Amino acid sequence: MDLVDYLTLARERGASDLHITPNAPPTARIFGALQPLSDKPLSALETREIVYGVLKENQRARLEHDWELDFAIQIEGLGRFRANASFALGNVEANFRFIAGKIPSLSELGHSPTVQEWCQAKSGLILVTGTSGSGKSTTLASITQTIARCRLANIVLVEDPIEFVFEQGHSLVHQREIGSDTQSFAQALRSGLRQDADVIIVGEMRDEETIHTALTAADTGHLIIGTLHTTDAASAVSRILDAYPENRHRFVGAQLAASLRGVVCQYLLPRHDQPGLVLATELMAVNTAIGACIRERRLSQLQGLMQIGSADGMHTIDDSLMELLLDNRISLSDALAHCSEPNYFKEQFQNARQKNRKGWFSRVLGS
């Protein structure tokens, strides 16, 4: 079997990822769980032939120089895949992640109307955060599609690699790939400021230079949307502040409080009621109180303000998990694994189930 055969088999079983690793069988991640697709392990030579067989000459050179490579492949009749190749114990291995052909809408993904409202902003900073595999790239693509359809905007989208490919419509969408079209996220951001961009979407704000450039751009009249690897909204704010020396925190806090529109932190959890995954989110919209906490670095108070911020579209991850749990869409064990205070959450769940208070939590989430 070749790569196409393994990817076809993985997709037929509903997999999100395929792992090609020496001395192990091809393995798929299916609804969050790893499952081998064969009883026969791949040799190091077979793995190398599979991985190198889909790389262009310049990609092979980059892989051998950097020892790792992000790229994307398109397979006719099967779809598009984001991939990462790297070395382990001197042998090459790779992961392939399926990219949906149709970009889901924000509501189809499970996002609240507040996220859709943020897409109308003319300037500022919007952050999408979460761990690896939490669906951040799909959310970014959906936000891009929403902006492109509802506004006349010049959009610069910077990714590593390009995942979803957009058609030109009402808006202009310029898709730039790290390593092919630009050297770095920070460089592409700076270029976007000189390209009459209304919206700049950054696949990853992974280094201090990119964070600095993004915040400056958001503060000078552009809408910047980017991702961070954080597990909650407050950590996203802390991550940005920590990118600066401590003697600049006061200035940057004021700058961030003025430009940040909101943070959506997300998780993908296995569904309890049927096969598949479901989105759980934490949403922080920057109002006067949130802005003051950011400016004064009282980040420990952000969680409490989100709990009482439903009028501004806010909710905590615990609110979202409770809604999903009461709807029987996730298990109690998964909810407890991702909530902020397991003991308190379990007590609240038991009370809610006894008192049939599901409607109250629906109102908290604005659904």
Protein backbone atom coordinates (compact mmCIF):
# COMPACT_ATOMS: atom_id res chain seq x y z
CA MET A 1 0.00 0.00 0.00
CA ASP A 2 1.14 3.57 -0.67
CA LEU A 3 0.30 6.87 1.01
CA VAL A 4 -2.88 7.39 -1.00
CA ASP A 5 -4.14 3.95 0.09
CA TYR A 6 -3.44 4.69 3.76
CA LEU A 7 -5.03 8.15 3.57
CA THR A 8 -8.08 6.71 1.81
CA LEU A 9 -8.48 4.02 4.45
CA ALA A 10 -8.03 6.57 7.24
CA ARG A 11 -10.66 8.90 5.78
CA GLU A 12 -13.12 6.03 5.25
CA ARG A 13 -12.89 5.39 8.99
CA GLY A 14 -13.46 9.05 9.86
CA ALA A 15 -9.88 9.83 10.86
CA SER A 16 -8.53 13.33 11.36
CA ASP A 17 -4.84 12.35 11.22
CA LEU A 18 -2.55 9.69 9.79
CA HIS A 19 0.83 8.93 11.39
CA ILE A 20 3.59 7.35 9.30
CA THR A 21 6.33 6.18 11.69
CA PRO A 22 9.23 3.70 11.31
CA ASN A 23 8.80 0.36 13.10
CA ALA A 24 5.08 1.00 13.68
CA PRO A 25 2.01 0.35 11.54
CA PRO A 26 0.34 3.32 9.83
CA THR A 27 -1.84 4.74 12.61
CA ALA A 28 -4.92 6.96 12.37
CA ARG A 29 -6.50 9.22 14.97
CA ILE A 30 -10.21 8.47 14.82
CA PHE A 31 -12.47 10.66 16.98
CA GLY A 32 -9.57 11.34 19.31
CA ALA A 33 -8.28 7.76 19.67
CA LEU A 34 -5.27 6.21 17.90
CA GLN A 35 -6.01 3.10 15.83
CA PRO A 36 -3.52 1.10 13.71
CA LEU A 37 -4.56 0.61 10.08
CA SER A 38 -2.44 -2.50 9.59
CA ASP A 39 -0.83 -5.31 11.55
CA LYS A 40 2.45 -4.80 9.68
CA PRO A 41 4.92 -2.16 10.88
CA LEU A 42 6.62 0.05 8.32
CA SER A 43 10.38 -0.15 7.97
CA ALA A 44 12.52 2.98 8.07
CA LEU A 45 13.08 2.64 4.31
CA GLU A 46 9.34 2.30 3.59
CA THR A 47 8.60 5.33 5.73
CA ARG A 48 11.27 7.37 3.94
CA GLU A 49 9.91 6.38 0.52
CA ILE A 50 6.36 7.35 1.53
CA VAL A 51 7.36 10.75 2.92
CA TYR A 52 9.94 11.71 0.30
CA GLY A 53 7.56 10.54 -2.41
CA VAL A 54 5.21 13.49 -1.81
CA LEU A 55 7.88 16.18 -1.36
CA LYS A 56 9.16 18.58 -4.00
CA GLU A 57 12.91 18.88 -4.44
CA ASN A 58 13.11 22.16 -2.52
CA GLN A 59 11.01 20.67 0.30
CA ARG A 60 13.37 17.70 0.60
CA ALA A 61 16.28 20.11 0.85
CA ARG A 62 14.52 22.14 3.58
CA LEU A 63 13.67 18.98 5.51
CA GLU A 64 17.27 17.78 5.44
CA HIS A 65 18.57 21.23 6.39
CA ASP A 66 16.05 22.05 9.15
CA TRP A 67 15.25 18.43 10.14
CA GLU A 68 11.55 19.25 10.07
CA LEU A 69 9.08 20.59 7.56
CA ASP A 70 5.49 21.84 7.47
CA PHE A 71 3.79 21.40 4.11
CA ALA A 72 0.46 20.62 2.47
CA ILE A 73 -0.53 18.18 -0.27
CA GLN A 74 -3.56 17.92 -2.53
CA ILE A 75 -4.70 14.44 -3.60
CA GLU A 76 -7.27 14.34 -6.36
CA GLY A 77 -10.48 12.67 -5.28
CA LEU A 78 -9.42 12.62 -1.65
CA GLY A 79 -8.78 16.21 -0.60
CA ARG A 80 -6.13 18.41 0.94
CA PHE A 81 -3.87 17.50 3.84
CA ARG A 82 -1.63 19.50 6.14
CA ALA A 83 1.53 17.60 6.98
CA ASN A 84 4.57 17.74 9.21
CA ALA A 85 7.71 15.73 8.52
CA SER A 86 10.50 15.39 11.06
CA PHE A 87 13.27 13.07 12.21
CA ALA A 88 13.29 10.74 15.22
CA LEU A 89 16.22 8.46 16.05
CA GLY A 90 17.72 9.48 12.73
CA ASN A 91 14.73 8.34 10.65
CA VAL A 92 12.10 10.45 8.92
CA GLU A 93 8.45 10.28 9.99
CA ALA A 94 5.35 12.32 9.18
CA ASN A 95 1.84 13.23 10.25
CA PHE A 96 -0.92 14.05 7.76
CA ARG A 97 -4.03 15.97 8.87
CA PHE A 98 -7.15 16.07 6.74
CA ILE A 99 -8.43 19.52 5.73
CA ALA A 100 -12.16 19.64 5.04
CA GLY A 101 -13.02 20.57 1.45
CA LYS A 102 -15.87 22.83 2.53
CA ILE A 103 -15.17 25.50 5.10
CA PRO A 104 -17.84 25.27 7.83
CA SER A 105 -19.57 28.43 8.99
CA LEU A 106 -18.86 29.72 12.49
CA SER A 107 -22.27 28.55 13.67
CA GLU A 108 -21.73 25.09 12.13
CA LEU A 109 -18.48 24.82 14.07
CA GLY A 110 -20.31 25.69 17.28
CA HIS A 111 -19.13 29.26 17.85
CA SER A 112 -21.41 31.83 19.45
CA PRO A 113 -22.83 34.83 17.52
CA THR A 114 -20.30 37.04 19.34
CA VAL A 115 -17.45 35.65 17.22
CA GLN A 116 -19.43 36.46 14.07
CA GLU A 117 -19.92 40.03 15.35
CA TRP A 118 -16.16 40.42 15.82
CA CYS A 119 -15.73 39.82 12.08
CA GLN A 120 -17.33 43.24 11.48
CA ALA A 121 -14.58 45.05 13.41
CA LYS A 122 -12.54 47.50 11.33
CA SER A 123 -9.47 47.36 13.56
CA GLY A 124 -8.05 45.70 16.63
CA LEU A 125 -6.82 42.25 17.62
CA ILE A 126 -8.81 39.00 17.80
CA LEU A 127 -7.13 35.90 19.23
CA VAL A 128 -8.07 32.26 18.63
CA THR A 129 -6.32 30.03 21.14
CA GLY A 130 -6.15 26.38 22.09
CA THR A 131 -3.89 23.37 22.14
CA SER A 132 -2.67 21.54 19.03
CA GLY A 133 -5.53 19.74 17.31
CA SER A 134 -8.22 21.96 18.83
CA GLY A 135 -9.46 23.25 15.46
CA LYS A 136 -7.86 26.70 15.49
CA SER A 137 -6.98 26.56 11.79
CA THR A 138 -10.56 25.68 10.84
CA THR A 139 -11.86 28.54 12.98
CA LEU A 140 -9.42 30.94 11.28
CA ALA A 141 -10.58 29.72 7.87
CA SER A 142 -14.22 30.20 8.87
CA ILE A 143 -13.50 33.72 10.14
CA THR A 144 -11.70 34.50 6.87
CA GLN A 145 -14.65 33.20 4.87
CA THR A 146 -17.10 35.21 6.98
CA ILE A 147 -15.17 38.44 6.47
CA ALA A 148 -14.68 37.77 2.75
CA ARG A 149 -18.41 37.22 2.24
CA CYS A 150 -19.84 40.00 4.36
CA ARG A 151 -17.35 42.80 3.67
CA LEU A 152 -15.39 44.41 0.88
CA ALA A 153 -11.94 43.96 2.35
CA ASN A 154 -8.34 43.44 1.30
CA ILE A 155 -7.35 40.34 3.30
CA VAL A 156 -3.80 39.02 3.72
CA LEU A 157 -3.70 35.48 5.10
CA VAL A 158 -0.31 34.13 6.26
CA GLU A 159 0.02 30.40 6.98
CA ASP A 160 2.60 27.65 7.45
CA PRO A 161 1.50 25.85 5.33
CA ILE A 162 -1.57 27.07 3.40
CA GLU A 163 -4.47 24.81 4.33
CA PHE A 164 -7.80 25.96 2.91
CA VAL A 165 -7.66 27.63 -0.51
CA PHE A 166 -10.04 30.58 -0.95
CA GLU A 167 -11.67 31.73 -4.16
CA GLN A 168 -11.70 35.45 -4.89
CA GLY A 169 -15.13 36.99 -4.29
CA HIS A 170 -16.31 40.32 -2.92
CA SER A 171 -13.07 40.64 -0.98
CA LEU A 172 -9.49 40.25 -2.17
CA VAL A 173 -7.79 37.33 -0.40
CA HIS A 174 -3.99 37.07 -0.65
CA GLN A 175 -2.72 33.73 0.69
CA ARG A 176 0.97 33.67 1.57
CA GLU A 177 2.88 30.60 2.70
CA ILE A 178 5.95 30.64 4.93
CA GLY A 179 8.94 29.33 3.01
CA SER A 180 7.31 29.76 -0.40
CA ASP A 181 5.92 33.31 -0.47
CA THR A 182 7.53 34.93 2.57
CA GLN A 183 10.32 34.25 5.05
CA SER A 184 8.39 34.63 8.31
CA PHE A 185 5.10 35.61 9.91
CA ALA A 186 6.59 38.88 11.17
CA GLN A 187 7.92 39.78 7.73
CA ALA A 188 4.58 39.01 6.08
CA LEU A 189 2.81 41.12 8.70
CA ARG A 190 5.08 44.08 8.00
CA SER A 191 4.54 43.67 4.26
CA GLY A 192 0.78 43.51 4.80
CA LEU A 193 0.88 46.97 6.34
CA ARG A 194 2.37 48.26 3.08
CA GLN A 195 -0.08 46.34 0.88
CA ASP A 196 -3.20 48.32 1.80
CA ALA A 197 -4.47 45.38 3.86
CA ASP A 198 -7.69 45.86 5.83
CA VAL A 199 -7.41 42.49 7.55
CA ILE A 200 -4.27 40.43 8.27
CA ILE A 201 -4.77 36.87 9.48
CA VAL A 202 -1.74 35.18 11.03
CA GLY A 203 -1.71 31.39 11.21
CA GLU A 204 0.55 31.39 14.28
CA MET A 205 1.86 34.13 16.56
CA ARG A 206 4.69 31.87 17.61
CA ASP A 207 7.50 34.31 18.42
CA GLU A 208 8.03 37.65 20.10
CA GLU A 209 8.69 39.53 16.86
CA THR A 210 5.38 38.39 15.37
CA ILE A 211 3.51 39.33 18.56
CA HIS A 212 5.13 42.79 18.62
CA THR A 213 4.31 43.42 14.96
CA ALA A 214 0.73 42.15 15.28
CA LEU A 215 -0.01 44.36 18.29
CA THR A 216 1.46 47.43 16.58
CA ALA A 217 -0.59 46.72 13.44
CA ALA A 218 -3.78 46.29 15.48
CA ASP A 219 -3.07 49.59 17.21
CA THR A 220 -2.69 51.46 13.91
CA GLY A 221 -6.05 50.79 12.30
CA HIS A 222 -5.82 47.23 10.96
CA LEU A 223 -7.85 44.18 12.00
CA ILE A 224 -5.38 41.47 13.04
CA ILE A 225 -6.54 37.92 13.75
CA GLY A 226 -4.07 35.37 15.05
CA THR A 227 -3.67 32.17 17.02
CA LEU A 228 -1.78 31.34 20.20
CA HIS A 229 -1.15 28.03 21.94
CA THR A 230 -2.79 28.74 25.29
CA THR A 231 -5.41 26.85 27.28
CA ASP A 232 -7.58 29.76 28.42
CA ALA A 233 -8.30 33.40 27.64
CA ALA A 234 -6.33 34.84 30.55
CA SER A 235 -3.22 32.91 29.50
CA ALA A 236 -3.47 34.48 26.04
CA VAL A 237 -3.27 37.94 27.56
CA SER A 238 -0.38 36.87 29.78
CA ARG A 239 1.45 35.34 26.81
CA ILE A 240 1.37 38.65 24.94
CA LEU A 241 2.47 40.71 27.94
CA ASP A 242 5.29 38.26 28.68
CA ALA A 243 6.65 38.78 25.16
CA TYR A 244 7.83 42.20 26.35
CA PRO A 245 10.39 43.20 29.01
CA GLU A 246 8.83 43.83 32.41
CA ASN A 247 9.59 47.56 32.24
CA ARG A 248 7.26 47.80 29.21
CA HIS A 249 4.33 45.86 30.68
CA ARG A 250 2.49 49.01 31.76
CA PHE A 251 2.65 50.54 28.28
CA VAL A 252 1.86 47.26 26.49
CA GLY A 253 -1.01 46.53 28.88
CA ALA A 254 -2.61 49.86 27.98
CA GLN A 255 -2.00 49.20 24.27
CA LEU A 256 -3.47 45.69 24.48
CA ALA A 257 -6.49 46.85 26.50
CA ALA A 258 -7.27 49.40 23.79
CA SER A 259 -6.78 47.13 20.76
CA LEU A 260 -7.88 43.64 21.87
CA ARG A 261 -11.44 42.87 20.74
CA GLY A 262 -11.68 39.43 22.23
CA VAL A 263 -10.26 35.96 22.79
CA VAL A 264 -11.89 32.64 21.95
CA CYS A 265 -10.18 29.60 23.46
CA GLN A 266 -11.33 26.25 22.15
CA TYR A 267 -11.18 22.50 22.68
CA LEU A 268 -12.39 19.61 20.53
CA LEU A 269 -13.89 16.81 22.64
CA PRO A 270 -15.19 13.34 21.72
CA ARG A 271 -18.96 13.27 21.40
CA HIS A 272 -20.78 11.08 23.91
CA ASP A 273 -24.06 10.75 21.98
CA GLN A 274 -22.64 9.79 18.57
CA PRO A 275 -19.31 9.37 16.75
CA GLY A 276 -17.46 12.63 16.16
CA LEU A 277 -16.08 15.66 17.95
CA VAL A 278 -17.75 18.71 19.44
CA LEU A 279 -16.42 22.20 20.14
CA ALA A 280 -16.17 23.63 23.66
CA THR A 281 -15.14 27.27 23.99
CA GLU A 282 -14.24 30.03 26.39
CA LEU A 283 -15.04 33.50 25.13
CA MET A 284 -13.75 36.78 26.53
CA ALA A 285 -14.97 40.04 24.99
CA VAL A 286 -13.07 43.15 26.01
CA ASN A 287 -15.41 45.58 27.77
CA THR A 288 -14.53 48.37 30.20
CA ALA A 289 -13.96 46.03 33.16
CA ILE A 290 -11.91 43.51 31.18
CA GLY A 291 -9.86 46.33 29.66
CA ALA A 292 -9.08 47.74 33.10
CA CYS A 293 -7.88 44.34 34.33
CA ILE A 294 -5.59 43.95 31.31
CA ARG A 295 -4.25 47.48 31.67
CA GLU A 296 -3.51 46.99 35.36
CA ARG A 297 -2.44 43.34 34.92
CA ARG A 298 -5.09 42.01 37.28
CA LEU A 299 -5.37 38.88 35.16
CA SER A 300 -6.59 36.66 38.00
CA GLN A 301 -9.86 38.63 37.92
CA LEU A 302 -10.61 37.89 34.25
CA GLN A 303 -12.25 34.54 34.99
CA GLY A 304 -14.75 36.12 37.39
CA LEU A 305 -15.59 38.88 34.92
CA MET A 306 -16.27 36.30 32.21
CA GLN A 307 -18.62 34.48 34.57
CA ILE A 308 -20.77 37.61 34.90
CA GLY A 309 -20.23 38.87 31.35
CA SER A 310 -23.01 37.04 29.50
CA ALA A 311 -24.59 40.37 28.48
CA ASP A 312 -21.45 41.02 26.41
CA GLY A 313 -21.46 37.50 24.95
CA MET A 314 -18.89 36.06 27.33
CA HIS A 315 -18.76 32.61 28.86
CA THR A 316 -16.17 30.47 30.60
CA ILE A 317 -15.03 27.04 29.50
CA ASP A 318 -17.00 25.62 32.42
CA ASP A 319 -20.21 27.21 31.08
CA SER A 320 -19.62 25.64 27.68
CA LEU A 321 -18.76 22.24 29.13
CA MET A 322 -21.84 22.29 31.34
CA GLU A 323 -24.07 23.06 28.36
CA LEU A 324 -22.58 20.18 26.37
CA LEU A 325 -22.78 17.81 29.33
CA LEU A 326 -26.42 18.60 30.08
CA ASP A 327 -27.15 18.05 26.38
CA ASN A 328 -25.47 14.61 26.67
CA ARG A 329 -23.00 15.61 23.94
CA ILE A 330 -19.90 14.95 26.08
CA SER A 331 -19.14 12.61 28.97
CA LEU A 332 -18.72 13.72 32.57
CA SER A 333 -15.14 12.43 32.57
CA ASP A 334 -14.21 14.60 29.56
CA ALA A 335 -15.93 17.62 31.10
CA LEU A 336 -14.04 17.17 34.37
CA ALA A 337 -10.75 16.76 32.48
CA HIS A 338 -11.12 20.18 30.82
CA CYS A 339 -12.98 22.31 33.39
CA SER A 340 -11.20 24.82 35.61
CA GLU A 341 -12.44 23.52 38.99
CA PRO A 342 -13.43 19.82 38.81
CA ASN A 343 -14.89 19.45 42.31
CA TYR A 344 -17.03 22.58 42.03
CA PHE A 345 -18.03 21.68 38.46
CA LYS A 346 -19.18 18.20 39.49
CA GLU A 347 -21.23 19.66 42.33
CA GLN A 348 -22.83 22.19 39.97
CA PHE A 349 -23.63 19.47 37.47
CA GLN A 350 -25.33 17.34 40.09
CA ASN A 351 -27.36 20.34 41.27
CA ALA A 352 -28.31 21.30 37.73
CA ARG A 353 -29.41 17.78 36.87
CA GLN A 354 -31.47 17.50 40.02
CA LYS A 355 -33.14 20.88 39.57
CA ASN A 356 -33.47 20.63 35.78
CA ARG A 357 -31.69 23.94 35.31
CA LYS A 358 -30.49 23.29 31.79
CA GLY A 359 -32.32 26.35 30.47
CA TRP A 360 -30.36 28.60 32.79
CA PHE A 361 -27.05 27.46 31.31
CA SER A 362 -28.42 27.91 27.80
CA ARG A 363 -29.14 31.53 28.63
CA VAL A 364 -25.64 31.96 30.07
CA LEU A 365 -24.21 30.92 26.69
CA GLY A 366 -26.70 33.02 24.75
CA SER A 367 -27.96 29.99 22.81
